[in-house]
Amino acid sequence: MGPQSIIQKLSLFERKILRKIFGPTKEANGIWRIKTNKELDELIKHRNIINYVKAQQLSWFGYTNRMPETSILKGIQKWKPFTGRPAGRPKSRWDDDVRNGLKKN
């Protein structure tokens, strides 16, 4: 499961919950309808779960980078395994995801 599919599933779940929270909209002719994605986005003022998670990741990334080199967390973050990785496409790491997110913005 790649990062894009996780983002898509998380967004889908968020919209499903928001539709339950905000409920349907009553039209002028008395008919009820489900809110659109655009209406939901305006209701939450464009603050979605994906942006929140990315902001939290950047916050943690900055926190760990400001730590002294002697801290245990910094040592774990910079640790390289002794063995090589298996052949094929390398697995994405958390650190790589954060750095790629910074490049996109």
N, C-alpha and C. Protein backbone atom coordinates (compact mmCIF):
# COMPACT_ATOMS: atom_id res chain seq x y z
N MET A 1 0.86 -1.17 0.00
CA MET A 1 0.00 0.00 0.00
C MET A 1 0.90 1.24 0.00
N GLY A 2 0.83 2.02 -1.05
CA GLY A 2 1.69 3.19 -1.17
C GLY A 2 1.14 4.39 -0.44
N PRO A 3 1.97 5.43 -0.34
CA PRO A 3 1.54 6.65 0.37
C PRO A 3 0.31 7.31 -0.25
N GLN A 4 0.19 7.25 -1.57
CA GLN A 4 -0.95 7.89 -2.23
C GLN A 4 -2.25 7.18 -1.87
N SER A 5 -2.21 5.85 -1.81
CA SER A 5 -3.44 5.13 -1.48
C SER A 5 -3.84 5.38 -0.02
N ILE A 6 -2.85 5.52 0.86
CA ILE A 6 -3.14 5.83 2.26
C ILE A 6 -3.78 7.21 2.36
N ILE A 7 -3.23 8.18 1.64
CA ILE A 7 -3.77 9.55 1.63
C ILE A 7 -5.20 9.54 1.10
N GLN A 8 -5.43 8.79 0.03
CA GLN A 8 -6.77 8.73 -0.57
C GLN A 8 -7.77 8.09 0.41
N LYS A 9 -7.37 7.01 1.06
CA LYS A 9 -8.27 6.35 2.00
C LYS A 9 -8.55 7.21 3.22
N LEU A 10 -7.53 7.92 3.69
CA LEU A 10 -7.72 8.81 4.83
C LEU A 10 -8.65 9.97 4.48
N SER A 11 -8.49 10.54 3.29
CA SER A 11 -9.38 11.62 2.84
C SER A 11 -10.81 11.14 2.69
N LEU A 12 -10.97 9.94 2.15
CA LEU A 12 -12.30 9.36 1.98
C LEU A 12 -12.98 9.17 3.33
N PHE A 13 -12.24 8.63 4.30
CA PHE A 13 -12.79 8.43 5.64
C PHE A 13 -13.16 9.77 6.29
N GLU A 14 -12.29 10.78 6.11
CA GLU A 14 -12.56 12.09 6.69
C GLU A 14 -13.85 12.69 6.13
N ARG A 15 -14.03 12.61 4.82
CA ARG A 15 -15.26 13.14 4.21
C ARG A 15 -16.50 12.39 4.68
N LYS A 16 -16.35 11.07 4.85
CA LYS A 16 -17.48 10.26 5.34
C LYS A 16 -17.90 10.72 6.73
N ILE A 17 -16.94 10.94 7.60
CA ILE A 17 -17.23 11.39 8.96
C ILE A 17 -17.81 12.80 8.96
N LEU A 18 -17.24 13.69 8.12
CA LEU A 18 -17.74 15.06 8.06
C LEU A 18 -19.19 15.10 7.57
N ARG A 19 -19.54 14.22 6.63
CA ARG A 19 -20.92 14.17 6.16
C ARG A 19 -21.86 13.76 7.28
N LYS A 20 -21.40 12.88 8.15
CA LYS A 20 -22.24 12.48 9.30
C LYS A 20 -22.34 13.62 10.31
N ILE A 21 -21.24 14.33 10.53
CA ILE A 21 -21.22 15.42 11.52
C ILE A 21 -22.11 16.57 11.07
N PHE A 22 -21.93 17.02 9.82
CA PHE A 22 -22.66 18.20 9.34
C PHE A 22 -24.04 17.87 8.81
N GLY A 23 -24.30 16.63 8.47
CA GLY A 23 -25.63 16.22 8.03
C GLY A 23 -25.99 16.71 6.64
N PRO A 24 -27.18 16.37 6.19
CA PRO A 24 -27.62 16.79 4.86
C PRO A 24 -28.04 18.26 4.80
N THR A 25 -28.22 18.74 3.58
CA THR A 25 -28.65 20.12 3.34
C THR A 25 -30.08 20.10 2.80
N LYS A 26 -30.91 21.00 3.31
CA LYS A 26 -32.29 21.08 2.82
C LYS A 26 -32.36 22.14 1.73
N GLU A 27 -32.83 21.74 0.57
CA GLU A 27 -32.96 22.65 -0.58
C GLU A 27 -34.21 23.52 -0.41
N ALA A 28 -34.35 24.51 -1.28
CA ALA A 28 -35.48 25.44 -1.23
C ALA A 28 -36.81 24.73 -1.46
N ASN A 29 -36.80 23.67 -2.28
CA ASN A 29 -38.04 22.97 -2.57
C ASN A 29 -38.38 21.89 -1.53
N GLY A 30 -37.62 21.85 -0.43
CA GLY A 30 -37.90 20.92 0.66
C GLY A 30 -37.24 19.56 0.54
N ILE A 31 -36.40 19.38 -0.49
CA ILE A 31 -35.71 18.10 -0.69
C ILE A 31 -34.35 18.13 0.02
N TRP A 32 -34.03 17.04 0.70
CA TRP A 32 -32.75 16.92 1.39
C TRP A 32 -31.72 16.32 0.44
N ARG A 33 -30.48 16.80 0.53
CA ARG A 33 -29.39 16.24 -0.29
C ARG A 33 -28.11 16.18 0.54
N ILE A 34 -27.20 15.32 0.12
CA ILE A 34 -25.90 15.16 0.80
C ILE A 34 -24.99 16.31 0.37
N LYS A 35 -24.20 16.81 1.31
CA LYS A 35 -23.27 17.90 1.01
C LYS A 35 -22.18 17.43 0.06
N THR A 36 -21.74 18.32 -0.82
CA THR A 36 -20.67 18.00 -1.76
C THR A 36 -19.31 18.16 -1.08
N ASN A 37 -18.28 17.64 -1.73
CA ASN A 37 -16.92 17.77 -1.20
C ASN A 37 -16.52 19.24 -1.06
N LYS A 38 -16.94 20.05 -2.02
CA LYS A 38 -16.61 21.48 -1.99
C LYS A 38 -17.27 22.16 -0.79
N GLU A 39 -18.52 21.83 -0.52
CA GLU A 39 -19.22 22.40 0.64
C GLU A 39 -18.56 21.98 1.95
N LEU A 40 -18.16 20.71 2.03
CA LEU A 40 -17.47 20.23 3.23
C LEU A 40 -16.14 20.94 3.42
N ASP A 41 -15.42 21.14 2.32
CA ASP A 41 -14.13 21.82 2.38
C ASP A 41 -14.29 23.26 2.89
N GLU A 42 -15.35 23.93 2.45
CA GLU A 42 -15.61 25.30 2.91
C GLU A 42 -16.02 25.32 4.39
N LEU A 43 -16.75 24.31 4.83
CA LEU A 43 -17.18 24.24 6.23
C LEU A 43 -15.99 24.07 7.19
N ILE A 44 -15.01 23.28 6.77
CA ILE A 44 -13.85 23.05 7.64
C ILE A 44 -12.72 24.02 7.34
N LYS A 45 -13.00 25.00 6.47
CA LYS A 45 -12.05 26.07 6.12
C LYS A 45 -10.73 25.52 5.60
N HIS A 46 -10.82 24.52 4.72
CA HIS A 46 -9.66 23.93 4.02
C HIS A 46 -8.63 23.32 4.97
N ARG A 47 -9.02 23.00 6.20
CA ARG A 47 -8.11 22.34 7.14
C ARG A 47 -8.46 20.87 7.17
N ASN A 48 -7.77 20.08 6.37
CA ASN A 48 -8.08 18.65 6.33
C ASN A 48 -7.04 17.85 7.09
N ILE A 49 -7.30 16.58 7.26
CA ILE A 49 -6.46 15.70 8.07
C ILE A 49 -5.08 15.50 7.44
N ILE A 50 -5.00 15.52 6.13
CA ILE A 50 -3.71 15.32 5.44
C ILE A 50 -2.77 16.47 5.76
N ASN A 51 -3.26 17.70 5.68
CA ASN A 51 -2.42 18.85 6.01
C ASN A 51 -2.00 18.84 7.48
N TYR A 52 -2.89 18.39 8.35
CA TYR A 52 -2.58 18.32 9.77
C TYR A 52 -1.47 17.30 10.03
N VAL A 53 -1.57 16.13 9.42
CA VAL A 53 -0.55 15.09 9.60
C VAL A 53 0.79 15.56 9.07
N LYS A 54 0.79 16.22 7.91
CA LYS A 54 2.06 16.72 7.34
C LYS A 54 2.68 17.79 8.25
N ALA A 55 1.85 18.64 8.82
CA ALA A 55 2.36 19.67 9.73
C ALA A 55 2.96 19.02 10.98
N GLN A 56 2.31 17.98 11.50
CA GLN A 56 2.83 17.29 12.67
C GLN A 56 4.14 16.57 12.35
N GLN A 57 4.24 15.99 11.15
CA GLN A 57 5.48 15.35 10.73
C GLN A 57 6.62 16.35 10.67
N LEU A 58 6.35 17.52 10.09
CA LEU A 58 7.39 18.56 10.00
C LEU A 58 7.79 19.05 11.38
N SER A 59 6.82 19.15 12.27
CA SER A 59 7.11 19.57 13.63
C SER A 59 8.03 18.57 14.32
N TRP A 60 7.74 17.28 14.19
CA TRP A 60 8.56 16.25 14.81
C TRP A 60 9.94 16.20 14.15
N PHE A 61 9.99 16.36 12.84
CA PHE A 61 11.25 16.37 12.09
C PHE A 61 12.15 17.50 12.59
N GLY A 62 11.57 18.69 12.75
CA GLY A 62 12.33 19.82 13.26
C GLY A 62 12.80 19.59 14.69
N TYR A 63 11.95 18.98 15.50
CA TYR A 63 12.30 18.69 16.89
C TYR A 63 13.48 17.73 16.96
N THR A 64 13.45 16.67 16.15
CA THR A 64 14.54 15.69 16.19
C THR A 64 15.82 16.26 15.61
N ASN A 65 15.73 17.13 14.62
CA ASN A 65 16.95 17.71 14.03
C ASN A 65 17.61 18.73 14.95
N ARG A 66 16.85 19.35 15.84
CA ARG A 66 17.44 20.30 16.77
C ARG A 66 18.08 19.64 17.99
N MET A 67 17.85 18.35 18.15
CA MET A 67 18.43 17.63 19.29
C MET A 67 19.95 17.57 19.17
N PRO A 68 20.64 17.47 20.31
CA PRO A 68 22.09 17.30 20.26
C PRO A 68 22.46 15.96 19.64
N GLU A 69 23.65 15.90 19.05
CA GLU A 69 24.10 14.68 18.38
C GLU A 69 24.24 13.50 19.35
N THR A 70 24.36 13.77 20.64
CA THR A 70 24.55 12.71 21.63
C THR A 70 23.25 12.07 22.08
N SER A 71 22.10 12.59 21.66
CA SER A 71 20.82 12.04 22.13
C SER A 71 20.57 10.66 21.50
N ILE A 72 19.85 9.84 22.24
CA ILE A 72 19.55 8.47 21.79
C ILE A 72 18.69 8.51 20.53
N LEU A 73 17.68 9.37 20.51
CA LEU A 73 16.79 9.47 19.36
C LEU A 73 17.55 9.85 18.10
N LYS A 74 18.48 10.78 18.22
CA LYS A 74 19.28 11.20 17.07
C LYS A 74 20.13 10.04 16.56
N GLY A 75 20.68 9.24 17.49
CA GLY A 75 21.47 8.07 17.10
C GLY A 75 20.63 7.04 16.37
N ILE A 76 19.41 6.83 16.83
CA ILE A 76 18.51 5.88 16.17
C ILE A 76 18.13 6.39 14.78
N GLN A 77 17.90 7.68 14.68
CA GLN A 77 17.50 8.26 13.40
C GLN A 77 18.62 8.16 12.37
N LYS A 78 19.86 8.30 12.78
CA LYS A 78 20.99 8.27 11.85
C LYS A 78 21.60 6.88 11.68
N TRP A 79 21.08 5.88 12.40
CA TRP A 79 21.64 4.53 12.36
C TRP A 79 21.47 3.92 10.99
N LYS A 80 22.50 3.26 10.50
CA LYS A 80 22.46 2.55 9.23
C LYS A 80 22.66 1.06 9.52
N PRO A 81 21.84 0.19 8.95
CA PRO A 81 22.00 -1.24 9.21
C PRO A 81 23.29 -1.78 8.59
N PHE A 82 23.79 -2.87 9.14
CA PHE A 82 25.03 -3.47 8.67
C PHE A 82 24.83 -4.23 7.37
N THR A 83 23.67 -4.80 7.19
CA THR A 83 23.40 -5.59 5.98
C THR A 83 22.77 -4.71 4.92
N GLY A 84 22.87 -5.16 3.68
CA GLY A 84 22.26 -4.42 2.58
C GLY A 84 20.78 -4.72 2.47
N ARG A 85 20.11 -3.92 1.70
CA ARG A 85 18.69 -4.14 1.47
C ARG A 85 18.51 -5.14 0.33
N PRO A 86 17.37 -5.81 0.29
CA PRO A 86 17.14 -6.76 -0.80
C PRO A 86 17.02 -6.03 -2.14
N ALA A 87 17.23 -6.78 -3.22
CA ALA A 87 17.16 -6.21 -4.56
C ALA A 87 15.75 -5.69 -4.84
N GLY A 88 15.67 -4.71 -5.70
CA GLY A 88 14.37 -4.13 -6.06
C GLY A 88 14.28 -2.69 -5.62
N ARG A 89 13.08 -2.18 -5.71
CA ARG A 89 12.85 -0.79 -5.33
C ARG A 89 13.00 -0.63 -3.82
N PRO A 90 13.78 0.38 -3.39
CA PRO A 90 13.95 0.57 -1.94
C PRO A 90 12.64 1.00 -1.28
N LYS A 91 12.45 0.53 -0.06
CA LYS A 91 11.24 0.90 0.69
C LYS A 91 11.36 2.35 1.14
N SER A 92 10.25 3.03 1.11
CA SER A 92 10.21 4.43 1.54
C SER A 92 10.29 4.49 3.06
N ARG A 93 11.14 5.37 3.57
CA ARG A 93 11.27 5.56 5.01
C ARG A 93 10.57 6.85 5.40
N TRP A 94 10.29 6.98 6.69
CA TRP A 94 9.59 8.16 7.20
C TRP A 94 10.38 9.42 6.89
N ASP A 95 11.68 9.37 7.09
CA ASP A 95 12.56 10.50 6.83
C ASP A 95 12.49 10.92 5.36
N ASP A 96 12.47 9.94 4.46
CA ASP A 96 12.37 10.22 3.03
C ASP A 96 11.04 10.88 2.69
N ASP A 97 9.95 10.40 3.30
CA ASP A 97 8.63 10.98 3.05
C ASP A 97 8.57 12.44 3.47
N VAL A 98 9.16 12.76 4.61
CA VAL A 98 9.15 14.14 5.09
C VAL A 98 9.97 15.02 4.16
N ARG A 99 11.14 14.55 3.77
CA ARG A 99 12.00 15.34 2.87
C ARG A 99 11.33 15.55 1.50
N ASN A 100 10.66 14.53 0.99
CA ASN A 100 9.95 14.67 -0.29
C ASN A 100 8.78 15.65 -0.14
N GLY A 101 8.12 15.65 1.00
CA GLY A 101 7.04 16.60 1.26
C GLY A 101 7.55 18.03 1.29
N LEU A 102 8.76 18.22 1.81
CA LEU A 102 9.36 19.55 1.83
C LEU A 102 9.70 20.03 0.41
N LYS A 103 10.16 19.11 -0.43
CA LYS A 103 10.54 19.45 -1.81
C LYS A 103 9.32 19.87 -2.61
N LYS A 104 8.18 19.22 -2.37
CA LYS A 104 6.95 19.52 -3.12
C LYS A 104 6.40 20.89 -2.79
N ASN A 105 6.60 21.34 -1.54
CA ASN A 105 6.04 22.63 -1.12
C ASN A 105 6.96 23.72 -1.45
